[in-house]
Amino acid sequence: MVKSNLVEREPSQTDGRVTIIRPTEAGAVTFDAATTLVLDTVREEFAGEPAESELPAVAAFLSRVRSKDPNLRRPPYDLPFDL
């Protein structure tokens, strides 16, 4: 991924055993495009958006996933509910 200019590596300032990996601008664009493609594929393959009655359960599940990692970004697409 470094050779493809999708991520950059940086040694930790506080721990010599740690290398920080960050997406480059090209990596972020690629990630956003891939995420959108995956969502489109899921919509095509699994009959589209969740039903209105399913949205609270989906939102609750995704909120739990987000709470496990505060560094997760918001999706690059509009969801029909808040996380």
N, C-alpha and C. Protein backbone atom coordinates (compact mmCIF):
# COMPACT_ATOMS: atom_id res chain seq x y z
N MET A 1 0.82 -1.18 0.00
CA MET A 1 0.00 0.00 0.00
C MET A 1 0.87 1.26 0.00
N VAL A 2 2.03 1.18 0.63
CA VAL A 2 2.95 2.31 0.61
C VAL A 2 3.44 2.54 -0.82
N LYS A 3 3.82 1.45 -1.51
CA LYS A 3 4.31 1.57 -2.89
C LYS A 3 3.24 2.13 -3.82
N SER A 4 1.98 1.85 -3.51
CA SER A 4 0.86 2.35 -4.33
C SER A 4 0.42 3.75 -3.90
N ASN A 5 1.11 4.34 -2.92
CA ASN A 5 0.81 5.68 -2.42
C ASN A 5 -0.59 5.76 -1.80
N LEU A 6 -1.03 4.67 -1.15
CA LEU A 6 -2.32 4.67 -0.48
C LEU A 6 -2.19 4.97 1.01
N VAL A 7 -1.03 4.62 1.59
CA VAL A 7 -0.76 4.91 2.99
C VAL A 7 0.68 5.40 3.13
N GLU A 8 0.93 6.09 4.24
CA GLU A 8 2.29 6.49 4.57
C GLU A 8 2.62 5.99 5.97
N ARG A 9 3.87 5.65 6.18
CA ARG A 9 4.32 5.13 7.46
C ARG A 9 5.14 6.21 8.17
N GLU A 10 4.97 6.27 9.49
CA GLU A 10 5.70 7.25 10.29
C GLU A 10 6.04 6.60 11.63
N PRO A 11 7.29 6.67 12.04
CA PRO A 11 7.63 6.09 13.35
C PRO A 11 6.95 6.87 14.47
N SER A 12 6.56 6.17 15.50
CA SER A 12 5.97 6.81 16.67
C SER A 12 6.99 7.71 17.34
N GLN A 13 6.53 8.85 17.82
CA GLN A 13 7.40 9.78 18.54
C GLN A 13 7.70 9.29 19.96
N THR A 14 6.84 8.38 20.46
CA THR A 14 6.97 7.96 21.86
C THR A 14 7.34 6.50 22.06
N ASP A 15 7.22 5.69 21.02
CA ASP A 15 7.49 4.25 21.17
C ASP A 15 8.17 3.74 19.91
N GLY A 16 9.43 3.42 20.00
CA GLY A 16 10.21 2.96 18.86
C GLY A 16 9.73 1.67 18.24
N ARG A 17 8.89 0.94 18.94
CA ARG A 17 8.35 -0.32 18.40
C ARG A 17 7.14 -0.10 17.52
N VAL A 18 6.62 1.12 17.51
CA VAL A 18 5.34 1.41 16.84
C VAL A 18 5.57 2.21 15.57
N THR A 19 4.86 1.83 14.53
CA THR A 19 4.83 2.59 13.29
C THR A 19 3.40 3.03 13.05
N ILE A 20 3.20 4.31 12.84
CA ILE A 20 1.87 4.87 12.57
C ILE A 20 1.64 4.78 11.07
N ILE A 21 0.50 4.27 10.69
CA ILE A 21 0.14 4.17 9.27
C ILE A 21 -1.07 5.07 9.05
N ARG A 22 -0.94 5.99 8.11
CA ARG A 22 -2.02 6.93 7.81
C ARG A 22 -2.34 6.87 6.33
N PRO A 23 -3.62 7.01 5.98
CA PRO A 23 -3.95 7.05 4.55
C PRO A 23 -3.45 8.36 3.93
N THR A 24 -2.96 8.25 2.71
CA THR A 24 -2.63 9.45 1.95
C THR A 24 -3.93 10.01 1.37
N GLU A 25 -3.84 11.15 0.72
CA GLU A 25 -5.04 11.70 0.07
C GLU A 25 -5.57 10.70 -0.96
N ALA A 26 -4.67 10.10 -1.74
CA ALA A 26 -5.09 9.09 -2.73
C ALA A 26 -5.69 7.88 -2.04
N GLY A 27 -5.14 7.50 -0.88
CA GLY A 27 -5.68 6.37 -0.13
C GLY A 27 -7.08 6.65 0.38
N ALA A 28 -7.31 7.87 0.87
CA ALA A 28 -8.64 8.23 1.36
C ALA A 28 -9.65 8.23 0.22
N VAL A 29 -9.26 8.75 -0.94
CA VAL A 29 -10.15 8.75 -2.10
C VAL A 29 -10.47 7.32 -2.51
N THR A 30 -9.45 6.47 -2.53
CA THR A 30 -9.64 5.06 -2.91
C THR A 30 -10.54 4.35 -1.90
N PHE A 31 -10.34 4.60 -0.61
CA PHE A 31 -11.17 3.99 0.42
C PHE A 31 -12.63 4.43 0.26
N ASP A 32 -12.85 5.72 0.05
CA ASP A 32 -14.21 6.22 -0.12
C ASP A 32 -14.88 5.59 -1.33
N ALA A 33 -14.15 5.48 -2.44
CA ALA A 33 -14.71 4.87 -3.65
C ALA A 33 -15.02 3.39 -3.41
N ALA A 34 -14.13 2.69 -2.73
CA ALA A 34 -14.35 1.26 -2.46
C ALA A 34 -15.53 1.07 -1.52
N THR A 35 -15.65 1.93 -0.50
CA THR A 35 -16.77 1.83 0.44
C THR A 35 -18.09 2.05 -0.27
N THR A 36 -18.13 3.04 -1.14
CA THR A 36 -19.35 3.33 -1.90
C THR A 36 -19.69 2.15 -2.81
N LEU A 37 -18.68 1.57 -3.45
CA LEU A 37 -18.90 0.42 -4.32
C LEU A 37 -19.44 -0.77 -3.53
N VAL A 38 -18.89 -1.01 -2.35
CA VAL A 38 -19.38 -2.11 -1.52
C VAL A 38 -20.83 -1.87 -1.13
N LEU A 39 -21.16 -0.65 -0.71
CA LEU A 39 -22.55 -0.34 -0.34
C LEU A 39 -23.48 -0.55 -1.54
N ASP A 40 -23.08 -0.08 -2.71
CA ASP A 40 -23.90 -0.27 -3.91
C ASP A 40 -24.11 -1.74 -4.21
N THR A 41 -23.05 -2.54 -4.06
CA THR A 41 -23.15 -3.98 -4.31
C THR A 41 -24.09 -4.64 -3.31
N VAL A 42 -23.97 -4.26 -2.03
CA VAL A 42 -24.86 -4.82 -1.01
C VAL A 42 -26.30 -4.45 -1.32
N ARG A 43 -26.53 -3.21 -1.73
CA ARG A 43 -27.90 -2.79 -2.08
C ARG A 43 -28.44 -3.62 -3.24
N GLU A 44 -27.63 -3.83 -4.26
CA GLU A 44 -28.07 -4.63 -5.42
C GLU A 44 -28.34 -6.07 -5.04
N GLU A 45 -27.43 -6.66 -4.29
CA GLU A 45 -27.51 -8.08 -3.98
C GLU A 45 -28.52 -8.41 -2.89
N PHE A 46 -28.78 -7.48 -1.99
CA PHE A 46 -29.64 -7.77 -0.85
C PHE A 46 -30.88 -6.90 -0.82
N ALA A 47 -31.38 -6.57 -1.97
CA ALA A 47 -32.69 -5.92 -2.13
C ALA A 47 -32.78 -4.53 -1.52
N GLY A 48 -31.74 -3.77 -1.57
CA GLY A 48 -31.84 -2.36 -1.24
C GLY A 48 -31.74 -2.00 0.22
N GLU A 49 -32.30 -0.85 0.52
CA GLU A 49 -32.23 -0.24 1.85
C GLU A 49 -32.98 -1.10 2.88
N PRO A 50 -32.57 -0.98 4.14
CA PRO A 50 -33.36 -1.63 5.19
C PRO A 50 -34.77 -1.02 5.24
N ALA A 51 -35.71 -1.81 5.65
CA ALA A 51 -37.08 -1.32 5.82
C ALA A 51 -37.10 -0.27 6.93
N GLU A 52 -38.04 0.63 6.87
CA GLU A 52 -38.16 1.70 7.88
C GLU A 52 -38.19 1.12 9.29
N SER A 53 -38.88 0.02 9.47
CA SER A 53 -38.98 -0.59 10.80
C SER A 53 -37.65 -1.20 11.27
N GLU A 54 -36.73 -1.46 10.34
CA GLU A 54 -35.43 -2.05 10.70
C GLU A 54 -34.38 -1.00 11.06
N LEU A 55 -34.61 0.25 10.70
CA LEU A 55 -33.60 1.29 10.88
C LEU A 55 -33.13 1.47 12.32
N PRO A 56 -34.02 1.47 13.31
CA PRO A 56 -33.52 1.63 14.68
C PRO A 56 -32.55 0.52 15.09
N ALA A 57 -32.84 -0.71 14.71
CA ALA A 57 -31.95 -1.83 15.06
C ALA A 57 -30.61 -1.70 14.33
N VAL A 58 -30.65 -1.33 13.06
CA VAL A 58 -29.42 -1.15 12.29
C VAL A 58 -28.60 -0.02 12.90
N ALA A 59 -29.24 1.10 13.22
CA ALA A 59 -28.54 2.24 13.81
C ALA A 59 -27.92 1.87 15.16
N ALA A 60 -28.64 1.12 15.97
CA ALA A 60 -28.12 0.71 17.28
C ALA A 60 -26.90 -0.18 17.11
N PHE A 61 -26.96 -1.12 16.19
CA PHE A 61 -25.82 -2.01 15.94
C PHE A 61 -24.61 -1.21 15.46
N LEU A 62 -24.81 -0.33 14.48
CA LEU A 62 -23.69 0.44 13.95
C LEU A 62 -23.12 1.39 15.00
N SER A 63 -23.95 1.91 15.88
CA SER A 63 -23.46 2.76 16.97
C SER A 63 -22.56 1.98 17.91
N ARG A 64 -22.93 0.72 18.20
CA ARG A 64 -22.08 -0.12 19.05
C ARG A 64 -20.75 -0.37 18.37
N VAL A 65 -20.76 -0.64 17.07
CA VAL A 65 -19.51 -0.85 16.33
C VAL A 65 -18.65 0.40 16.41
N ARG A 66 -19.25 1.56 16.17
CA ARG A 66 -18.51 2.84 16.22
C ARG A 66 -17.92 3.08 17.59
N SER A 67 -18.65 2.73 18.65
CA SER A 67 -18.18 3.03 20.01
C SER A 67 -16.94 2.22 20.36
N LYS A 68 -16.68 1.13 19.66
CA LYS A 68 -15.50 0.31 19.93
C LYS A 68 -14.24 0.98 19.40
N ASP A 69 -14.36 1.86 18.41
CA ASP A 69 -13.19 2.53 17.83
C ASP A 69 -13.54 3.98 17.52
N PRO A 70 -13.14 4.91 18.38
CA PRO A 70 -13.50 6.32 18.18
C PRO A 70 -12.85 6.93 16.94
N ASN A 71 -11.90 6.22 16.32
CA ASN A 71 -11.24 6.76 15.14
C ASN A 71 -11.97 6.43 13.84
N LEU A 72 -13.05 5.65 13.93
CA LEU A 72 -13.79 5.32 12.72
C LEU A 72 -14.39 6.59 12.13
N ARG A 73 -14.27 6.71 10.82
CA ARG A 73 -14.81 7.88 10.15
C ARG A 73 -16.28 7.67 9.82
N ARG A 74 -16.96 8.75 9.60
CA ARG A 74 -18.32 8.66 9.10
C ARG A 74 -18.25 8.11 7.68
N PRO A 75 -19.25 7.36 7.29
CA PRO A 75 -19.24 6.84 5.91
C PRO A 75 -19.26 7.99 4.91
N PRO A 76 -18.73 7.75 3.71
CA PRO A 76 -18.70 8.81 2.69
C PRO A 76 -20.02 8.93 1.93
N TYR A 77 -21.03 8.24 2.40
CA TYR A 77 -22.32 8.27 1.73
C TYR A 77 -23.39 8.64 2.76
N ASP A 78 -24.53 9.07 2.27
CA ASP A 78 -25.61 9.45 3.18
C ASP A 78 -26.41 8.23 3.57
N LEU A 79 -26.55 8.01 4.87
CA LEU A 79 -27.37 6.92 5.37
C LEU A 79 -28.74 7.49 5.73
N PRO A 80 -29.78 6.66 5.65
CA PRO A 80 -31.11 7.16 5.96
C PRO A 80 -31.40 7.26 7.46
N PHE A 81 -30.34 7.20 8.30
CA PHE A 81 -30.51 7.30 9.73
C PHE A 81 -29.20 7.80 10.33
N ASP A 82 -29.24 8.26 11.56
CA ASP A 82 -28.04 8.76 12.25
C ASP A 82 -27.34 7.63 12.97
N LEU A 83 -26.02 7.72 13.02
CA LEU A 83 -25.23 6.75 13.80
C LEU A 83 -24.89 7.37 15.14
